[in-house]
ModelCIF file with pLDDT and N, C-alpha, C, O atoms, coordinates in Angstrom:
data_MODEL
#
_entry.id   MODEL 
#
_entity.id                         1 
_entity.type                       polymer 
_entity.pdbx_number_of_molecules   1 
#
_entity_poly.entity_id                      1 
_entity_poly.type                           'polypeptide(L)' 
_entity_poly.nstd_linkage                   no 
_entity_poly.nstd_monomer                   no 
_entity_poly.pdbx_seq_one_letter_code       PAELKPQSSAAADLPSFVRLHGFLSKSDPHDAG 
_entity_poly.pdbx_seq_one_letter_code_can   PAELKPQSSAAADLPSFVRLHGFLSKSDPHDAG 
_entity_poly.pdbx_strand_id                 A 
#
loop_
_entity_poly_seq.entity_id 
_entity_poly_seq.num 
_entity_poly_seq.mon_id 
_entity_poly_seq.hetero 
1 1  PRO n 
1 2  ALA n 
1 3  GLU n 
1 4  LEU n 
1 5  LYS n 
1 6  PRO n 
1 7  GLN n 
1 8  SER n 
1 9  SER n 
1 10 ALA n 
1 11 ALA n 
1 12 ALA n 
1 13 ASP n 
1 14 LEU n 
1 15 PRO n 
1 16 SER n 
1 17 PHE n 
1 18 VAL n 
1 19 ARG n 
1 20 LEU n 
1 21 HIS n 
1 22 GLY n 
1 23 PHE n 
1 24 LEU n 
1 25 SER n 
1 26 LYS n 
1 27 SER n 
1 28 ASP n 
1 29 PRO n 
1 30 HIS n 
1 31 ASP n 
1 32 ALA n 
1 33 GLY n 
#
_struct_asym.id          A 
_struct_asym.entity_id   1 
#
loop_
_ma_qa_metric.id 
_ma_qa_metric.mode 
_ma_qa_metric.name 
_ma_qa_metric.software_group_id 
_ma_qa_metric.type 
1 global pLDDT . pLDDT 
2 local  pLDDT . pLDDT 
#
_ma_qa_metric_global.metric_id      1 
_ma_qa_metric_global.metric_value   92.82 
_ma_qa_metric_global.model_id       1 
_ma_qa_metric_global.ordinal_id     1 
#
loop_
_ma_qa_metric_local.label_asym_id 
_ma_qa_metric_local.label_comp_id 
_ma_qa_metric_local.label_seq_id 
_ma_qa_metric_local.metric_id 
_ma_qa_metric_local.metric_value 
_ma_qa_metric_local.model_id 
_ma_qa_metric_local.ordinal_id 
A PRO 1  2 95.00 1 1  
A ALA 2  2 90.00 1 2  
A GLU 3  2 92.00 1 3  
A LEU 4  2 95.00 1 4  
A LYS 5  2 87.00 1 5  
A PRO 6  2 82.00 1 6  
A GLN 7  2 82.00 1 7  
A SER 8  2 88.00 1 8  
A SER 9  2 90.00 1 9  
A ALA 10 2 90.00 1 10 
A ALA 11 2 93.00 1 11 
A ALA 12 2 92.00 1 12 
A ASP 13 2 94.00 1 13 
A LEU 14 2 97.00 1 14 
A PRO 15 2 97.00 1 15 
A SER 16 2 97.00 1 16 
A PHE 17 2 98.00 1 17 
A VAL 18 2 98.00 1 18 
A ARG 19 2 97.00 1 19 
A LEU 20 2 97.00 1 20 
A HIS 21 2 96.00 1 21 
A GLY 22 2 95.00 1 22 
A PHE 23 2 94.00 1 23 
A LEU 24 2 94.00 1 24 
A SER 25 2 91.00 1 25 
A LYS 26 2 89.00 1 26 
A SER 27 2 86.00 1 27 
A ASP 28 2 92.00 1 28 
A PRO 29 2 93.00 1 29 
A HIS 30 2 96.00 1 30 
A ASP 31 2 96.00 1 31 
A ALA 32 2 94.00 1 32 
A GLY 33 2 96.00 1 33 
#
loop_
_atom_site.group_PDB 
_atom_site.id 
_atom_site.type_symbol 
_atom_site.label_atom_id 
_atom_site.label_alt_id 
_atom_site.label_comp_id 
_atom_site.label_asym_id 
_atom_site.label_entity_id 
_atom_site.label_seq_id 
_atom_site.pdbx_PDB_ins_code 
_atom_site.Cartn_x 
_atom_site.Cartn_y 
_atom_site.Cartn_z 
_atom_site.occupancy 
_atom_site.B_iso_or_equiv 
_atom_site.pdbx_formal_charge 
_atom_site.auth_seq_id 
_atom_site.auth_comp_id 
_atom_site.auth_asym_id 
_atom_site.auth_atom_id 
_atom_site.pdbx_PDB_model_num 
ATOM 1   N N  . PRO A 1 1  ? 0.803  -1.229  0.000   1.00 95.00 ? 1  PRO A N  1 
ATOM 2   C CA . PRO A 1 1  ? 0.000  0.000   0.000   1.00 95.00 ? 1  PRO A CA 1 
ATOM 3   C C  . PRO A 1 1  ? 0.834  1.277   0.000   1.00 95.00 ? 1  PRO A C  1 
ATOM 4   O O  . PRO A 1 1  ? 1.725  1.461   0.830   1.00 95.00 ? 1  PRO A O  1 
ATOM 5   N N  . ALA A 1 2  ? 0.521  2.154   -0.954  1.00 90.00 ? 2  ALA A N  1 
ATOM 6   C CA . ALA A 1 2  ? 1.233  3.436   -1.033  1.00 90.00 ? 2  ALA A CA 1 
ATOM 7   C C  . ALA A 1 2  ? 0.889  4.329   0.148   1.00 90.00 ? 2  ALA A C  1 
ATOM 8   O O  . ALA A 1 2  ? 1.683  5.189   0.530   1.00 90.00 ? 2  ALA A O  1 
ATOM 9   N N  . GLU A 1 3  ? -0.297 4.127   0.731   1.00 92.00 ? 3  GLU A N  1 
ATOM 10  C CA . GLU A 1 3  ? -0.714 4.986   1.853   1.00 92.00 ? 3  GLU A CA 1 
ATOM 11  C C  . GLU A 1 3  ? 0.132  4.775   3.106   1.00 92.00 ? 3  GLU A C  1 
ATOM 12  O O  . GLU A 1 3  ? 0.177  5.641   3.980   1.00 92.00 ? 3  GLU A O  1 
ATOM 13  N N  . LEU A 1 4  ? 0.804  3.621   3.194   1.00 95.00 ? 4  LEU A N  1 
ATOM 14  C CA . LEU A 1 4  ? 1.542  3.280   4.416   1.00 95.00 ? 4  LEU A CA 1 
ATOM 15  C C  . LEU A 1 4  ? 3.039  3.459   4.233   1.00 95.00 ? 4  LEU A C  1 
ATOM 16  O O  . LEU A 1 4  ? 3.824  2.570   4.564   1.00 95.00 ? 4  LEU A O  1 
ATOM 17  N N  . LYS A 1 5  ? 3.426  4.600   3.712   1.00 87.00 ? 5  LYS A N  1 
ATOM 18  C CA . LYS A 1 5  ? 4.846  4.885   3.549   1.00 87.00 ? 5  LYS A CA 1 
ATOM 19  C C  . LYS A 1 5  ? 5.507  5.051   4.911   1.00 87.00 ? 5  LYS A C  1 
ATOM 20  O O  . LYS A 1 5  ? 4.852  5.468   5.865   1.00 87.00 ? 5  LYS A O  1 
ATOM 21  N N  . PRO A 1 6  ? 6.806  4.729   5.017   1.00 82.00 ? 6  PRO A N  1 
ATOM 22  C CA . PRO A 1 6  ? 7.500  4.888   6.300   1.00 82.00 ? 6  PRO A CA 1 
ATOM 23  C C  . PRO A 1 6  ? 7.376  6.321   6.829   1.00 82.00 ? 6  PRO A C  1 
ATOM 24  O O  . PRO A 1 6  ? 7.426  7.283   6.063   1.00 82.00 ? 6  PRO A O  1 
ATOM 25  N N  . GLN A 1 7  ? 7.218  6.444   8.122   1.00 82.00 ? 7  GLN A N  1 
ATOM 26  C CA . GLN A 1 7  ? 7.079  7.724   8.808   1.00 82.00 ? 7  GLN A CA 1 
ATOM 27  C C  . GLN A 1 7  ? 5.770  8.462   8.496   1.00 82.00 ? 7  GLN A C  1 
ATOM 28  O O  . GLN A 1 7  ? 5.584  9.593   8.944   1.00 82.00 ? 7  GLN A O  1 
ATOM 29  N N  . SER A 1 8  ? 4.875  7.846   7.745   1.00 88.00 ? 8  SER A N  1 
ATOM 30  C CA . SER A 1 8  ? 3.585  8.485   7.501   1.00 88.00 ? 8  SER A CA 1 
ATOM 31  C C  . SER A 1 8  ? 2.701  8.324   8.734   1.00 88.00 ? 8  SER A C  1 
ATOM 32  O O  . SER A 1 8  ? 2.898  7.410   9.535   1.00 88.00 ? 8  SER A O  1 
ATOM 33  N N  . SER A 1 9  ? 1.728  9.218   8.879   1.00 90.00 ? 9  SER A N  1 
ATOM 34  C CA . SER A 1 9  ? 0.837  9.154   10.036  1.00 90.00 ? 9  SER A CA 1 
ATOM 35  C C  . SER A 1 9  ? 0.005  7.874   10.010  1.00 90.00 ? 9  SER A C  1 
ATOM 36  O O  . SER A 1 9  ? -0.283 7.290   11.054  1.00 90.00 ? 9  SER A O  1 
ATOM 37  N N  . ALA A 1 10 ? -0.384 7.437   8.791   1.00 90.00 ? 10 ALA A N  1 
ATOM 38  C CA . ALA A 1 10 ? -1.175 6.207   8.672   1.00 90.00 ? 10 ALA A CA 1 
ATOM 39  C C  . ALA A 1 10 ? -0.383 5.005   9.162   1.00 90.00 ? 10 ALA A C  1 
ATOM 40  O O  . ALA A 1 10 ? -0.931 4.127   9.829   1.00 90.00 ? 10 ALA A O  1 
ATOM 41  N N  . ALA A 1 11 ? 0.914  4.963   8.833   1.00 93.00 ? 11 ALA A N  1 
ATOM 42  C CA . ALA A 1 11 ? 1.756  3.858   9.287   1.00 93.00 ? 11 ALA A CA 1 
ATOM 43  C C  . ALA A 1 11 ? 1.976  3.925   10.790  1.00 93.00 ? 11 ALA A C  1 
ATOM 44  O O  . ALA A 1 11 ? 1.982  2.896   11.465  1.00 93.00 ? 11 ALA A O  1 
ATOM 45  N N  . ALA A 1 12 ? 2.155  5.117   11.311  1.00 92.00 ? 12 ALA A N  1 
ATOM 46  C CA . ALA A 1 12 ? 2.411  5.282   12.745  1.00 92.00 ? 12 ALA A CA 1 
ATOM 47  C C  . ALA A 1 12 ? 1.213  4.873   13.588  1.00 92.00 ? 12 ALA A C  1 
ATOM 48  O O  . ALA A 1 12 ? 1.382  4.481   14.743  1.00 92.00 ? 12 ALA A O  1 
ATOM 49  N N  . ASP A 1 13 ? 0.012  4.955   13.039  1.00 94.00 ? 13 ASP A N  1 
ATOM 50  C CA . ASP A 1 13 ? -1.198 4.636   13.795  1.00 94.00 ? 13 ASP A CA 1 
ATOM 51  C C  . ASP A 1 13 ? -1.496 3.138   13.856  1.00 94.00 ? 13 ASP A C  1 
ATOM 52  O O  . ASP A 1 13 ? -2.412 2.722   14.566  1.00 94.00 ? 13 ASP A O  1 
ATOM 53  N N  . LEU A 1 14 ? -0.742 2.330   13.129  1.00 97.00 ? 14 LEU A N  1 
ATOM 54  C CA . LEU A 1 14 ? -1.007 0.894   13.103  1.00 97.00 ? 14 LEU A CA 1 
ATOM 55  C C  . LEU A 1 14 ? -0.544 0.224   14.395  1.00 97.00 ? 14 LEU A C  1 
ATOM 56  O O  . LEU A 1 14 ? 0.416  0.677   15.018  1.00 97.00 ? 14 LEU A O  1 
ATOM 57  N N  . PRO A 1 15 ? -1.216 -0.845  14.798  1.00 97.00 ? 15 PRO A N  1 
ATOM 58  C CA . PRO A 1 15 ? -0.806 -1.577  16.001  1.00 97.00 ? 15 PRO A CA 1 
ATOM 59  C C  . PRO A 1 15 ? 0.581  -2.208  15.838  1.00 97.00 ? 15 PRO A C  1 
ATOM 60  O O  . PRO A 1 15 ? 1.085  -2.340  14.723  1.00 97.00 ? 15 PRO A O  1 
ATOM 61  N N  . SER A 1 16 ? 1.179  -2.590  16.949  1.00 97.00 ? 16 SER A N  1 
ATOM 62  C CA . SER A 1 16 ? 2.538  -3.120  16.928  1.00 97.00 ? 16 SER A CA 1 
ATOM 63  C C  . SER A 1 16 ? 2.633  -4.480  16.255  1.00 97.00 ? 16 SER A C  1 
ATOM 64  O O  . SER A 1 16 ? 3.724  -4.889  15.859  1.00 97.00 ? 16 SER A O  1 
ATOM 65  N N  . PHE A 1 17 ? 1.510  -5.197  16.115  1.00 98.00 ? 17 PHE A N  1 
ATOM 66  C CA . PHE A 1 17 ? 1.576  -6.519  15.484  1.00 98.00 ? 17 PHE A CA 1 
ATOM 67  C C  . PHE A 1 17 ? 1.574  -6.439  13.952  1.00 98.00 ? 17 PHE A C  1 
ATOM 68  O O  . PHE A 1 17 ? 1.652  -7.473  13.287  1.00 98.00 ? 17 PHE A O  1 
ATOM 69  N N  . VAL A 1 18 ? 1.486  -5.241  13.386  1.00 98.00 ? 18 VAL A N  1 
ATOM 70  C CA . VAL A 1 18 ? 1.522  -5.060  11.930  1.00 98.00 ? 18 VAL A CA 1 
ATOM 71  C C  . VAL A 1 18 ? 2.964  -4.844  11.484  1.00 98.00 ? 18 VAL A C  1 
ATOM 72  O O  . VAL A 1 18 ? 3.659  -3.985  12.026  1.00 98.00 ? 18 VAL A O  1 
ATOM 73  N N  . ARG A 1 19 ? 3.410  -5.604  10.520  1.00 97.00 ? 19 ARG A N  1 
ATOM 74  C CA . ARG A 1 19 ? 4.761  -5.489  9.969   1.00 97.00 ? 19 ARG A CA 1 
ATOM 75  C C  . ARG A 1 19 ? 4.666  -4.978  8.532   1.00 97.00 ? 19 ARG A C  1 
ATOM 76  O O  . ARG A 1 19 ? 4.035  -5.618  7.691   1.00 97.00 ? 19 ARG A O  1 
ATOM 77  N N  . LEU A 1 20 ? 5.278  -3.843  8.244   1.00 97.00 ? 20 LEU A N  1 
ATOM 78  C CA . LEU A 1 20 ? 5.220  -3.229  6.920   1.00 97.00 ? 20 LEU A CA 1 
ATOM 79  C C  . LEU A 1 20 ? 6.459  -3.593  6.104   1.00 97.00 ? 20 LEU A C  1 
ATOM 80  O O  . LEU A 1 20 ? 7.587  -3.448  6.576   1.00 97.00 ? 20 LEU A O  1 
ATOM 81  N N  . HIS A 1 21 ? 6.242  -4.063  4.882   1.00 96.00 ? 21 HIS A N  1 
ATOM 82  C CA . HIS A 1 21 ? 7.345  -4.465  4.012   1.00 96.00 ? 21 HIS A CA 1 
ATOM 83  C C  . HIS A 1 21 ? 7.475  -3.569  2.788   1.00 96.00 ? 21 HIS A C  1 
ATOM 84  O O  . HIS A 1 21 ? 8.344  -3.798  1.947   1.00 96.00 ? 21 HIS A O  1 
ATOM 85  N N  . GLY A 1 22 ? 6.620  -2.545  2.676   1.00 95.00 ? 22 GLY A N  1 
ATOM 86  C CA . GLY A 1 22 ? 6.682  -1.651  1.532   1.00 95.00 ? 22 GLY A CA 1 
ATOM 87  C C  . GLY A 1 22 ? 6.235  -2.334  0.252   1.00 95.00 ? 22 GLY A C  1 
ATOM 88  O O  . GLY A 1 22 ? 5.582  -3.377  0.283   1.00 95.00 ? 22 GLY A O  1 
ATOM 89  N N  . PHE A 1 23 ? 6.597  -1.732  -0.875  1.00 94.00 ? 23 PHE A N  1 
ATOM 90  C CA . PHE A 1 23 ? 6.249  -2.304  -2.181  1.00 94.00 ? 23 PHE A CA 1 
ATOM 91  C C  . PHE A 1 23 ? 7.371  -3.222  -2.627  1.00 94.00 ? 23 PHE A C  1 
ATOM 92  O O  . PHE A 1 23 ? 8.535  -2.820  -2.644  1.00 94.00 ? 23 PHE A O  1 
ATOM 93  N N  . LEU A 1 24 ? 7.033  -4.447  -2.988  1.00 94.00 ? 24 LEU A N  1 
ATOM 94  C CA . LEU A 1 24 ? 8.014  -5.413  -3.468  1.00 94.00 ? 24 LEU A CA 1 
ATOM 95  C C  . LEU A 1 24 ? 7.749  -5.705  -4.935  1.00 94.00 ? 24 LEU A C  1 
ATOM 96  O O  . LEU A 1 24 ? 6.687  -6.218  -5.287  1.00 94.00 ? 24 LEU A O  1 
ATOM 97  N N  . SER A 1 25 ? 8.706  -5.383  -5.787  1.00 91.00 ? 25 SER A N  1 
ATOM 98  C CA . SER A 1 25 ? 8.557  -5.558  -7.230  1.00 91.00 ? 25 SER A CA 1 
ATOM 99  C C  . SER A 1 25 ? 9.020  -6.946  -7.654  1.00 91.00 ? 25 SER A C  1 
ATOM 100 O O  . SER A 1 25 ? 10.123 -7.373  -7.314  1.00 91.00 ? 25 SER A O  1 
ATOM 101 N N  . LYS A 1 26 ? 8.173  -7.642  -8.394  1.00 89.00 ? 26 LYS A N  1 
ATOM 102 C CA . LYS A 1 26 ? 8.535  -8.971  -8.877  1.00 89.00 ? 26 LYS A CA 1 
ATOM 103 C C  . LYS A 1 26 ? 9.640  -8.912  -9.925  1.00 89.00 ? 26 LYS A C  1 
ATOM 104 O O  . LYS A 1 26 ? 10.311 -9.912  -10.180 1.00 89.00 ? 26 LYS A O  1 
ATOM 105 N N  . SER A 1 27 ? 9.831  -7.746  -10.530 1.00 86.00 ? 27 SER A N  1 
ATOM 106 C CA . SER A 1 27 ? 10.883 -7.616  -11.538 1.00 86.00 ? 27 SER A CA 1 
ATOM 107 C C  . SER A 1 27 ? 12.264 -7.412  -10.915 1.00 86.00 ? 27 SER A C  1 
ATOM 108 O O  . SER A 1 27 ? 13.278 -7.472  -11.609 1.00 86.00 ? 27 SER A O  1 
ATOM 109 N N  . ASP A 1 28 ? 12.296 -7.173  -9.614  1.00 92.00 ? 28 ASP A N  1 
ATOM 110 C CA . ASP A 1 28 ? 13.558 -7.017  -8.892  1.00 92.00 ? 28 ASP A CA 1 
ATOM 111 C C  . ASP A 1 28 ? 13.876 -8.337  -8.182  1.00 92.00 ? 28 ASP A C  1 
ATOM 112 O O  . ASP A 1 28 ? 13.079 -8.779  -7.355  1.00 92.00 ? 28 ASP A O  1 
ATOM 113 N N  . PRO A 1 29 ? 15.001 -8.974  -8.471  1.00 93.00 ? 29 PRO A N  1 
ATOM 114 C CA . PRO A 1 29 ? 15.305 -10.288 -7.888  1.00 93.00 ? 29 PRO A CA 1 
ATOM 115 C C  . PRO A 1 29 ? 15.265 -10.302 -6.362  1.00 93.00 ? 29 PRO A C  1 
ATOM 116 O O  . PRO A 1 29 ? 14.768 -11.256 -5.765  1.00 93.00 ? 29 PRO A O  1 
ATOM 117 N N  . HIS A 1 30 ? 15.787 -9.248  -5.727  1.00 96.00 ? 30 HIS A N  1 
ATOM 118 C CA . HIS A 1 30 ? 15.786 -9.198  -4.261  1.00 96.00 ? 30 HIS A CA 1 
ATOM 119 C C  . HIS A 1 30 ? 14.363 -9.112  -3.724  1.00 96.00 ? 30 HIS A C  1 
ATOM 120 O O  . HIS A 1 30 ? 14.000 -9.828  -2.791  1.00 96.00 ? 30 HIS A O  1 
ATOM 121 N N  . ASP A 1 31 ? 13.562 -8.233  -4.316  1.00 96.00 ? 31 ASP A N  1 
ATOM 122 C CA . ASP A 1 31 ? 12.170 -8.093  -3.890  1.00 96.00 ? 31 ASP A CA 1 
ATOM 123 C C  . ASP A 1 31 ? 11.377 -9.368  -4.145  1.00 96.00 ? 31 ASP A C  1 
ATOM 124 O O  . ASP A 1 31 ? 10.572 -9.788  -3.314  1.00 96.00 ? 31 ASP A O  1 
ATOM 125 N N  . ALA A 1 32 ? 11.616 -9.983  -5.311  1.00 94.00 ? 32 ALA A N  1 
ATOM 126 C CA . ALA A 1 32 ? 10.900 -11.217 -5.644  1.00 94.00 ? 32 ALA A CA 1 
ATOM 127 C C  . ALA A 1 32 ? 11.221 -12.316 -4.638  1.00 94.00 ? 32 ALA A C  1 
ATOM 128 O O  . ALA A 1 32 ? 10.341 -13.085 -4.249  1.00 94.00 ? 32 ALA A O  1 
ATOM 129 N N  . GLY A 1 33 ? 12.478 -12.388 -4.220  1.00 96.00 ? 33 GLY A N  1 
ATOM 130 C CA . GLY A 1 33 ? 12.865 -13.374 -3.218  1.00 96.00 ? 33 GLY A CA 1 
ATOM 131 C C  . GLY A 1 33 ? 12.211 -13.114 -1.878  1.00 96.00 ? 33 GLY A C  1 
ATOM 132 O O  . GLY A 1 33 ? 12.438 -13.861 -0.926  1.00 96.00 ? 33 GLY A O  1 
#
């Protein structure tokens, strides 16, 4: 989700059990892995 960028207010309001991984591109080998 683009709305949950690091340091955004939306991300900061999430509970501690939520783990954010950002956008992972399948065209990038590291992200795909």
